[in-house]
Amino acid sequence: MQDRKLDGIVLRTQGLGKQVSSPEGQLTILDDVDLEIRAGESVALVGPSGAGKTTLLALLAGLDQPSRGQVWLCGEDLTTLDEDGRARLRGRRVGFVFQSFHLVPSLTALENVMLPLELAGRADAAVRAREVLDAVGLTSRLSHYPKQLSGGEKQRVAIARAFVTRPEVLFADEPTGNLDTASGERVADLLFGLNRQARTTLVLVTHERDLARRCDRVIEIVAGRLVT
């Protein structure tokens, strides 16, 4: 494929499929998925449990490899890269927010947000992390460890960590799934607000239809195939 960033496409799949072995034989998780997502677009992946949403997210981000087909992320064919190559691409271009936060328990909120910048060798890691934590309303929690934070605060730290590298693409997997309604709404407002400011491409997996409707486009997955 030519560099599709030239025409605004930052994510593209062609004939994407994923199969895994099971006691009953080969199980098809995704089947012949063709998808294009443009720069700055927010897209929700919805569908019943087991439909393949999280698997598709993992393939788009290069966290998993397809059984067949191709994935292009920011103009690079992930299927031609080894694990280290995919990791380097993610480090430069991608941010993640997960349902279970994935914070490092032995690090403070500030240190968790600094981590991706330090891994990239950035000298301004502490300054930049403080700025983003201030933007998510956690200036008073910089020295707190994850166990000292509420669920909503943990997810705000995770969002700050995701945005601190100014990623081109942000992947969010059920970002409000572990939160109560009020905390979930605050986190969603923050996520979409920061995303608009940064003009990041957002790919969101969610069971929550109200959250999905806030995206520019909703794509439904049923039994491993796109239906909308």
Protein backbone atom coordinates (compact mmCIF):
# COMPACT_ATOMS: atom_id res chain seq x y z
CA MET A 1 0.00 0.00 0.00
CA GLN A 2 1.11 3.56 -0.59
CA ASP A 3 1.37 5.78 2.47
CA ARG A 4 -2.34 6.27 3.09
CA LYS A 5 -1.66 9.13 5.51
CA LEU A 6 -1.38 11.22 2.35
CA ASP A 7 -5.13 10.87 1.83
CA GLY A 8 -6.00 11.00 5.51
CA ILE A 9 -6.24 7.27 6.26
CA VAL A 10 -4.33 6.37 9.44
CA LEU A 11 -5.75 2.87 9.98
CA ARG A 12 -6.68 0.38 7.29
CA THR A 13 -7.32 -3.35 7.18
CA GLN A 14 -7.77 -5.60 4.17
CA GLY A 15 -9.12 -9.15 4.35
CA LEU A 16 -8.29 -9.26 8.05
CA GLY A 17 -8.94 -12.56 9.81
CA LYS A 18 -8.07 -14.16 13.11
CA GLN A 19 -8.43 -17.81 14.04
CA VAL A 20 -7.44 -19.60 17.23
CA SER A 21 -7.29 -23.26 18.18
CA SER A 22 -9.93 -24.63 20.54
CA PRO A 23 -10.90 -28.12 21.77
CA GLU A 24 -13.58 -28.10 19.06
CA GLY A 25 -11.06 -27.17 16.36
CA GLN A 26 -10.29 -23.86 14.66
CA LEU A 27 -12.39 -20.98 16.01
CA THR A 28 -12.85 -17.90 13.82
CA ILE A 29 -12.70 -14.68 15.87
CA LEU A 30 -12.59 -12.23 12.93
CA ASP A 31 -13.48 -12.93 9.33
CA ASP A 32 -12.58 -10.83 6.27
CA VAL A 33 -12.61 -7.39 7.93
CA ASP A 34 -12.05 -4.41 5.60
CA LEU A 35 -11.88 -1.09 7.44
CA GLU A 36 -10.58 2.45 6.96
CA ILE A 37 -10.32 5.11 9.67
CA ARG A 38 -9.35 8.68 8.85
CA ALA A 39 -7.09 11.01 10.80
CA GLY A 40 -8.92 12.79 13.61
CA GLU A 41 -11.94 10.50 13.41
CA SER A 42 -13.50 8.94 16.50
CA VAL A 43 -14.83 5.43 15.92
CA ALA A 44 -16.71 3.15 18.32
CA LEU A 45 -16.52 -0.62 17.92
CA VAL A 46 -19.67 -2.17 19.39
CA GLY A 47 -21.30 -5.58 19.46
CA PRO A 48 -22.14 -8.47 21.79
CA SER A 49 -19.57 -10.10 24.05
CA GLY A 50 -17.33 -12.42 22.09
CA ALA A 51 -18.03 -10.66 18.78
CA GLY A 52 -14.34 -9.85 18.21
CA LYS A 53 -14.16 -6.17 19.22
CA THR A 54 -11.14 -6.41 21.52
CA THR A 55 -9.37 -8.78 19.10
CA LEU A 56 -9.83 -6.24 16.31
CA LEU A 57 -8.49 -3.47 18.56
CA ALA A 58 -5.42 -5.58 19.39
CA LEU A 59 -4.77 -6.28 15.69
CA LEU A 60 -5.17 -2.61 14.75
CA ALA A 61 -2.64 -1.67 17.43
CA GLY A 62 -0.16 -4.41 16.54
CA LEU A 63 -0.57 -6.10 19.91
CA ASP A 64 -1.59 -9.30 18.14
CA GLN A 65 -0.96 -10.73 14.68
CA PRO A 66 -3.67 -11.72 12.21
CA SER A 67 -4.09 -15.20 10.78
CA ARG A 68 -4.56 -13.59 7.39
CA GLY A 69 -4.95 -10.17 5.81
CA GLN A 70 -3.09 -6.93 6.43
CA VAL A 71 -3.17 -3.96 8.80
CA TRP A 72 -1.67 -0.55 8.07
CA LEU A 73 -1.09 1.86 10.98
CA CYS A 74 0.07 5.37 10.14
CA GLY A 75 1.18 4.18 6.71
CA GLU A 76 3.19 1.16 7.93
CA ASP A 77 2.20 -2.43 7.21
CA LEU A 78 2.15 -4.09 10.64
CA THR A 79 2.25 -7.54 9.09
CA THR A 80 5.76 -6.88 7.75
CA LEU A 81 7.16 -5.78 11.14
CA ASP A 82 8.55 -8.03 13.86
CA GLU A 83 7.52 -7.63 17.49
CA ASP A 84 10.22 -5.04 18.20
CA GLY A 85 9.26 -3.07 15.10
CA ARG A 86 5.61 -2.99 16.11
CA ALA A 87 6.57 -1.90 19.63
CA ARG A 88 8.68 0.96 18.28
CA LEU A 89 5.81 2.10 16.07
CA ARG A 90 3.40 2.02 19.00
CA GLY A 91 5.85 3.98 21.13
CA ARG A 92 6.01 6.75 18.53
CA ARG A 93 2.41 6.89 17.32
CA VAL A 94 -0.02 5.20 19.72
CA GLY A 95 -1.63 5.65 23.14
CA PHE A 96 -3.75 3.18 25.12
CA VAL A 97 -6.49 3.35 27.76
CA PHE A 98 -7.69 0.04 29.22
CA GLN A 99 -10.66 -0.95 31.37
CA SER A 100 -8.39 -2.19 34.15
CA PHE A 101 -6.15 0.92 34.09
CA HIS A 102 -2.82 -1.01 33.78
CA LEU A 103 -0.99 1.38 36.10
CA VAL A 104 2.30 0.27 37.66
CA PRO A 105 1.45 -0.15 41.38
CA SER A 106 4.96 0.68 42.60
CA LEU A 107 5.00 4.04 40.78
CA THR A 108 3.27 7.27 41.77
CA ALA A 109 0.76 8.94 39.48
CA LEU A 110 3.50 11.27 38.22
CA GLU A 111 5.92 8.40 37.63
CA ASN A 112 3.28 6.36 35.78
CA VAL A 113 2.67 9.25 33.38
CA MET A 114 6.39 9.94 32.99
CA LEU A 115 7.10 6.31 32.08
CA PRO A 116 6.42 6.37 28.30
CA LEU A 117 8.41 9.60 27.95
CA GLU A 118 11.34 8.15 29.91
CA LEU A 119 11.27 5.03 27.73
CA ALA A 120 11.51 7.34 24.72
CA GLY A 121 14.50 9.14 26.27
CA ARG A 122 12.69 12.45 26.75
CA ALA A 123 14.49 14.87 29.07
CA ASP A 124 11.28 16.81 29.73
CA ALA A 125 9.38 13.78 31.08
CA ALA A 126 8.60 15.24 34.51
CA VAL A 127 7.56 18.66 33.19
CA ARG A 128 5.32 17.22 30.48
CA ALA A 129 3.75 14.66 32.87
CA ARG A 130 2.91 17.38 35.37
CA GLU A 131 1.25 19.44 32.64
CA VAL A 132 -0.97 16.58 31.52
CA LEU A 133 -1.88 15.53 35.07
CA ASP A 134 -2.87 19.14 35.72
CA ALA A 135 -5.05 19.02 32.59
CA VAL A 136 -6.93 15.98 33.95
CA GLY A 137 -7.39 17.62 37.36
CA LEU A 138 -4.90 15.57 39.36
CA THR A 139 -2.35 18.19 40.43
CA SER A 140 -2.96 17.25 44.08
CA ARG A 141 -2.43 13.53 43.41
CA LEU A 142 1.03 13.55 41.80
CA SER A 143 2.73 11.64 44.61
CA HIS A 144 -0.14 9.20 45.23
CA TYR A 145 0.25 5.52 44.35
CA PRO A 146 -2.53 3.69 42.45
CA LYS A 147 -3.80 2.00 45.63
CA GLN A 148 -4.40 5.47 47.09
CA LEU A 149 -6.57 6.58 44.15
CA SER A 150 -10.23 6.01 43.35
CA GLY A 151 -11.23 4.16 40.19
CA GLY A 152 -12.02 7.40 38.42
CA GLU A 153 -8.69 8.90 39.45
CA LYS A 154 -6.81 5.83 38.25
CA GLN A 155 -8.47 6.11 34.86
CA ARG A 156 -7.61 9.82 34.68
CA VAL A 157 -3.96 8.91 35.33
CA ALA A 158 -4.23 6.30 32.57
CA ILE A 159 -5.70 8.90 30.19
CA ALA A 160 -2.91 11.34 31.08
CA ARG A 161 -0.33 8.62 30.37
CA ALA A 162 -2.00 7.87 27.03
CA PHE A 163 -1.99 11.51 25.90
CA VAL A 164 1.41 12.53 27.30
CA THR A 165 3.26 11.38 24.17
CA ARG A 166 0.80 13.25 21.90
CA PRO A 167 -0.14 10.06 20.02
CA GLU A 168 -1.62 10.09 16.53
CA VAL A 169 -3.95 7.21 17.41
CA LEU A 170 -5.54 6.45 20.77
CA PHE A 171 -7.01 3.00 21.43
CA ALA A 172 -9.47 2.73 24.33
CA ASP A 173 -10.87 -0.63 25.45
CA GLU A 174 -13.96 -0.23 27.66
CA PRO A 175 -12.46 2.88 29.34
CA THR A 176 -15.48 3.38 31.63
CA GLY A 177 -16.25 -0.31 32.19
CA ASN A 178 -14.92 -0.46 35.77
CA LEU A 179 -16.39 2.86 36.89
CA ASP A 180 -19.67 3.91 38.45
CA THR A 181 -22.01 6.02 36.31
CA ALA A 182 -20.89 9.42 37.61
CA SER A 183 -17.17 8.61 37.39
CA GLY A 184 -17.69 7.06 33.97
CA GLU A 185 -19.35 10.20 32.64
CA ARG A 186 -16.53 12.41 33.96
CA VAL A 187 -13.89 10.14 32.42
CA ALA A 188 -15.77 10.09 29.09
CA ASP A 189 -16.01 13.89 29.06
CA LEU A 190 -12.28 14.10 29.74
CA LEU A 191 -11.40 11.51 27.11
CA PHE A 192 -13.41 13.17 24.34
CA GLY A 193 -12.34 16.68 25.40
CA LEU A 194 -8.64 15.86 25.29
CA ASN A 195 -9.12 13.97 22.06
CA ARG A 196 -10.69 17.00 20.37
CA GLN A 197 -7.92 19.29 21.62
CA ALA A 198 -5.16 16.94 20.45
CA ARG A 199 -6.98 16.01 17.19
CA THR A 200 -6.10 12.40 17.86
CA THR A 201 -7.73 9.52 16.03
CA LEU A 202 -9.78 7.60 18.60
CA VAL A 203 -10.75 3.94 18.31
CA LEU A 204 -13.03 2.95 21.18
CA VAL A 205 -14.39 -0.46 22.20
CA THR A 206 -17.48 -0.17 24.37
CA HIS A 207 -20.67 -1.92 25.40
CA GLU A 208 -22.18 1.45 26.33
CA ARG A 209 -24.35 2.82 23.53
CA ASP A 210 -24.40 6.35 25.00
CA LEU A 211 -20.60 6.40 24.91
CA ALA A 212 -20.56 5.01 21.37
CA ARG A 213 -22.95 7.70 20.14
CA ARG A 214 -20.44 10.37 21.12
CA CYS A 215 -18.12 9.08 18.39
CA ASP A 216 -18.19 10.24 14.77
CA ARG A 217 -18.93 6.71 13.59
CA VAL A 218 -20.21 3.49 15.13
CA ILE A 219 -19.12 0.14 13.68
CA GLU A 220 -20.95 -2.97 14.81
CA ILE A 221 -19.25 -6.35 14.92
CA VAL A 222 -21.30 -9.55 15.06
CA ALA A 223 -19.71 -13.00 15.02
CA GLY A 224 -16.41 -11.58 13.77
CA ARG A 225 -17.79 -9.60 10.82
CA LEU A 226 -18.57 -5.92 10.36
CA VAL A 227 -22.28 -5.34 9.91
CA THR A 228 -22.30 -1.51 9.77
